[in-house]
Structures are given as C-alpha cells and as structure tokens.
C-alpha cells in the first residue's frame, strides 16, 4: 500500500469514528422567539427557573425549564450583556454602564 493510500484510509477511518461520536451531543431548538430581538445571555438558577436578556433590554423568566417565558420589566432599553446569580439575587450588566439587580422581593 502506498504512503498516500495509507493516509487516505487513516483519514477516512478518523472521519467515520468522529462522525459516530459527534451525534451524541446535539443542540435541540426548545423555542424560537416571535420577537425581533436578539438574546445575549441566559442564566438558570436550577433546572426549572431561568432568565434571559436581550440587546434591547428585554428580559424574560421561565419557571418550567424554558418551555414558556414571561417578559419582565428591566427598566432599560440598553443592551444587557450578561446575567449572573449570587445567592437569592440576580445581577445583570449592560451597555452604557447599566447594572441591574433583581431579587424575588423587589427589583432595583
């Protein structure tokens, strides 16, 4: 077997092996938004409760693992870059120095 045939067979076997293992982790579309916004961040507190933020300051929450989303007033129309949680509070940061804090009892 020539050197080129050997490399061709080796590459072909590698592709076959890789293609079989790639199929185990697959992205699944859970829901596509009917809004014209672009989402920029998502944060889940547990398997059911999560938040999503957008370029236009729109935020939404879910209590069923992302099957349904409820819009939440963020108080800004600035792009929200990221959401993170700390204890019972959620923090969000965005364009023009926007910093948001949310807790179950009150928003500020």
Foldseek 3Di string as FASTA:
>chain_A
DDPVVVVVVVVVVVVVVVVVVVVVDDDDDLDDDPDPWAWAEKDAPDQAWIKTFTQQGWIWITRGNPNDTHIDHQPGRHTWHYWDDDVQKIWIAGPPGDIWIDGPVDTD
